[in-house]
Amino acid sequence: MEADWTTEAPAKDRRVRRSRAALLRAAVELVAVRESAAVPVSDIAEAADVSRQVLYQQFGDRDTLVLEAALDLVRRELLDGLPDPATPGGERASMLALAGHFAAHRRFYRALLTSSSAFALNKALTGLFLPLNRQLVGRLHGDRLGPRGVDDLARFLTGGAAAVVNTWVVEGPDPLDPEEFADRHMAIRAVVTATITKEPRP
């Protein structure tokens, strides 16, 4: 008689999702508490109440898990509810949300940004934020720049913003002040926007 997998497969999928979520949470918590990305795999697995084998099966290694934990955190707590920068007051609101997120999870992000995972984290976060900046630049300057110019400017703005955020998270005063950072960013943004939109001299 052929086995019926209709109930077992969904149950297995739920177990996989639960163990994955538990590992992501455990990675964020332990890295933040210890302020180090070099948390032993066994400690993360124990905190998530799964075996090390499950961790390796789902993520391959600790560094991949920690990076995935950072991206999951950004998607769940920041991007899913990020205000539209194109709406009135939306640009400052979105920057304030971003600053508040990184301030709330400062110990976790600082640990990653001062570890060998820094390059991979910045590259992955650029991949998340670049489409948002590309869309904004396209709306504001697409008629002047064309597709390639829009992409170049979006990458320039994303990389510059990342450098400023990274320095703030790693070296800023404790506690971080999201309001003050958002004001600083808006001042910089105003100068950049004015420069970009300035009519060229004849």
Protein backbone atom coordinates (compact mmCIF):
# COMPACT_ATOMS: atom_id res chain seq x y z
CA MET A 1 0.00 0.00 0.00
CA GLU A 2 1.35 3.44 -0.97
CA ALA A 3 2.09 5.77 1.92
CA ASP A 4 0.01 8.92 2.36
CA TRP A 5 2.29 11.93 2.84
CA THR A 6 -0.45 14.58 2.86
CA THR A 7 -0.34 15.08 6.64
CA GLU A 8 3.31 14.28 7.35
CA ALA A 9 4.82 16.67 4.78
CA PRO A 10 3.06 19.81 6.07
CA ALA A 11 3.95 18.81 9.63
CA LYS A 12 7.58 18.46 8.58
CA ASP A 13 7.44 21.86 6.85
CA ARG A 14 6.11 23.42 10.06
CA ARG A 15 8.93 21.84 12.07
CA VAL A 16 11.49 23.18 9.60
CA ARG A 17 10.00 26.68 9.78
CA ARG A 18 9.91 26.57 13.60
CA SER A 19 13.50 25.38 13.92
CA ARG A 20 14.66 27.95 11.35
CA ALA A 21 12.89 30.78 13.19
CA ALA A 22 14.30 29.58 16.51
CA LEU A 23 17.84 29.53 15.11
CA LEU A 24 17.49 33.03 13.65
CA ARG A 25 16.20 34.40 16.98
CA ALA A 26 18.90 32.62 18.95
CA ALA A 27 21.64 33.97 16.68
CA VAL A 28 20.45 37.57 17.10
CA GLU A 29 20.07 37.23 20.87
CA LEU A 30 23.41 35.55 21.53
CA VAL A 31 25.44 37.78 19.22
CA ALA A 32 23.86 40.86 20.85
CA VAL A 33 24.38 39.64 24.42
CA ARG A 34 28.00 38.62 23.81
CA GLU A 35 28.66 41.51 21.41
CA SER A 36 30.55 39.11 19.18
CA ALA A 37 29.73 37.33 15.94
CA ALA A 38 31.98 34.43 17.00
CA VAL A 39 29.31 32.60 19.01
CA PRO A 40 29.90 28.82 19.00
CA VAL A 41 27.51 26.80 16.87
CA SER A 42 26.74 24.57 19.84
CA ASP A 43 25.58 27.56 21.90
CA ILE A 44 23.24 28.79 19.17
CA ALA A 45 21.80 25.31 18.63
CA GLU A 46 21.27 24.84 22.36
CA ALA A 47 19.53 28.21 22.71
CA ALA A 48 17.26 27.32 19.78
CA ASP A 49 16.61 23.86 21.25
CA VAL A 50 17.75 22.08 18.10
CA SER A 51 20.73 19.92 17.24
CA ARG A 52 23.86 21.24 15.57
CA GLN A 53 23.02 18.96 12.67
CA VAL A 54 19.78 20.88 12.10
CA LEU A 55 21.71 24.16 12.09
CA TYR A 56 24.17 22.82 9.52
CA GLN A 57 21.36 21.36 7.40
CA GLN A 58 19.47 24.65 7.26
CA PHE A 59 22.29 27.19 7.06
CA GLY A 60 25.54 25.37 6.28
CA ASP A 61 27.64 27.26 8.84
CA ARG A 62 27.48 29.85 11.61
CA ASP A 63 28.47 32.84 9.47
CA THR A 64 25.66 32.18 7.00
CA LEU A 65 23.19 31.79 9.88
CA VAL A 66 24.25 35.08 11.47
CA LEU A 67 24.01 36.90 8.14
CA GLU A 68 20.58 35.41 7.44
CA ALA A 69 19.52 36.42 10.96
CA ALA A 70 20.46 40.03 10.20
CA LEU A 71 18.56 40.06 6.90
CA ASP A 72 15.53 38.43 8.51
CA LEU A 73 15.59 41.06 11.26
CA VAL A 74 15.70 43.92 8.74
CA ARG A 75 12.90 42.45 6.63
CA ARG A 76 10.58 41.71 9.56
CA GLU A 77 11.15 44.75 11.76
CA LEU A 78 12.06 47.47 9.27
CA LEU A 79 11.24 46.94 5.60
CA ASP A 80 7.78 45.44 6.10
CA GLY A 81 6.52 48.66 7.72
CA LEU A 82 8.85 51.27 6.23
CA PRO A 83 7.05 54.55 5.38
CA ASP A 84 6.99 55.53 1.71
CA PRO A 85 9.69 58.23 1.28
CA ALA A 86 7.72 59.72 -1.62
CA THR A 87 4.83 60.77 0.64
CA PRO A 88 4.82 64.09 2.56
CA GLY A 89 7.16 63.66 5.52
CA GLY A 90 7.85 60.12 4.37
CA GLU A 91 11.55 60.55 3.75
CA ARG A 92 12.30 61.65 7.31
CA ALA A 93 9.89 59.06 8.71
CA SER A 94 11.63 56.30 6.78
CA MET A 95 15.07 57.48 7.93
CA LEU A 96 13.82 57.72 11.52
CA ALA A 97 12.48 54.16 11.28
CA LEU A 98 15.81 52.96 9.93
CA ALA A 99 17.79 54.77 12.63
CA GLY A 100 15.45 53.48 15.33
CA HIS A 101 15.89 49.91 14.10
CA PHE A 102 19.68 50.03 14.10
CA ALA A 103 19.74 51.81 17.46
CA ALA A 104 17.45 49.18 19.02
CA HIS A 105 19.67 46.36 17.76
CA ARG A 106 22.96 48.20 18.03
CA ARG A 107 24.91 45.49 19.89
CA PHE A 108 23.95 42.89 17.31
CA TYR A 109 24.83 45.02 14.27
CA ARG A 110 27.99 46.42 15.85
CA ALA A 111 29.22 42.89 16.49
CA LEU A 112 28.72 42.03 12.82
CA LEU A 113 30.17 45.28 11.49
CA THR A 114 33.37 44.77 13.48
CA SER A 115 33.78 41.13 12.43
CA SER A 116 34.79 39.27 9.30
CA SER A 117 31.07 39.31 8.35
CA ALA A 118 31.07 43.09 7.76
CA PHE A 119 31.61 42.96 3.99
CA ALA A 120 28.96 40.27 3.47
CA LEU A 121 26.50 42.16 5.68
CA ASN A 122 26.99 45.43 3.81
CA LYS A 123 26.62 43.70 0.46
CA ALA A 124 23.43 41.93 1.56
CA LEU A 125 21.90 45.09 3.07
CA THR A 126 22.75 47.00 -0.10
CA GLY A 127 20.77 44.39 -1.99
CA LEU A 128 17.76 45.11 0.24
CA PHE A 129 17.91 48.92 0.17
CA LEU A 130 19.12 49.52 -3.39
CA PRO A 131 15.73 48.82 -5.05
CA LEU A 132 14.08 51.38 -2.74
CA ASN A 133 16.64 54.07 -3.62
CA ARG A 134 16.53 53.14 -7.31
CA GLN A 135 12.76 53.64 -7.32
CA LEU A 136 13.03 56.99 -5.52
CA VAL A 137 15.82 58.28 -7.79
CA GLY A 138 13.90 57.12 -10.84
CA ARG A 139 10.82 59.08 -9.78
CA LEU A 140 12.81 62.25 -9.06
CA HIS A 141 15.52 62.22 -11.74
CA GLY A 142 14.73 59.46 -14.22
CA ASP A 143 13.97 61.88 -17.04
CA ARG A 144 17.42 63.51 -16.69
CA LEU A 145 19.60 60.48 -15.95
CA GLY A 146 18.22 57.53 -17.88
CA PRO A 147 18.24 53.95 -16.53
CA ARG A 148 22.00 53.61 -16.13
CA GLY A 149 22.33 57.00 -14.46
CA VAL A 150 19.46 56.16 -12.09
CA ASP A 151 21.17 52.93 -11.11
CA ASP A 152 24.54 54.64 -10.62
CA LEU A 153 23.09 57.38 -8.43
CA ALA A 154 21.02 54.90 -6.42
CA ARG A 155 24.15 52.83 -5.75
CA PHE A 156 26.09 55.95 -4.82
CA LEU A 157 23.42 57.08 -2.36
CA THR A 158 22.94 53.59 -0.91
CA GLY A 159 26.67 53.07 -0.38
CA GLY A 160 27.16 56.52 1.11
CA ALA A 161 24.22 56.10 3.48
CA ALA A 162 25.54 52.68 4.52
CA ALA A 163 28.94 54.17 5.38
CA VAL A 164 27.32 56.86 7.54
CA VAL A 165 25.01 54.37 9.29
CA ASN A 166 27.89 51.94 9.90
CA THR A 167 30.04 54.63 11.49
CA TRP A 168 27.13 55.77 13.64
CA VAL A 169 26.35 52.24 14.84
CA VAL A 170 29.98 51.34 15.57
CA GLU A 171 31.40 54.63 16.85
CA GLY A 172 28.40 56.77 17.84
CA PRO A 173 27.68 57.84 21.44
CA ASP A 174 25.79 55.53 23.73
CA PRO A 175 22.82 55.54 23.62
CA LEU A 176 22.30 56.30 19.95
CA ASP A 177 19.80 59.09 19.20
CA PRO A 178 17.64 58.19 16.15
CA GLU A 179 16.03 61.66 16.03
CA GLU A 180 19.40 63.40 15.89
CA PHE A 181 20.64 60.97 13.24
CA ALA A 182 17.53 61.45 11.10
CA ASP A 183 18.02 65.23 11.24
CA ARG A 184 21.67 64.85 10.19
CA HIS A 185 20.68 62.62 7.30
CA MET A 186 17.98 65.01 6.11
CA ALA A 187 20.46 67.90 6.12
CA ILE A 188 22.90 65.88 3.99
CA ARG A 189 20.09 64.72 1.72
CA ALA A 190 18.94 68.31 1.15
CA VAL A 191 22.41 69.36 -0.01
CA VAL A 192 22.75 66.34 -2.31
CA THR A 193 19.28 66.88 -3.78
CA ALA A 194 19.93 70.57 -4.35
CA THR A 195 23.19 69.75 -6.11
CA ILE A 196 21.59 67.14 -8.33
CA THR A 197 18.61 69.28 -9.30
CA LYS A 198 20.66 72.45 -9.91
CA GLU A 199 20.43 73.52 -13.52
CA PRO A 200 23.78 73.23 -15.35
CA ARG A 201 25.43 76.47 -16.32
CA PRO A 202 25.18 77.38 -20.03
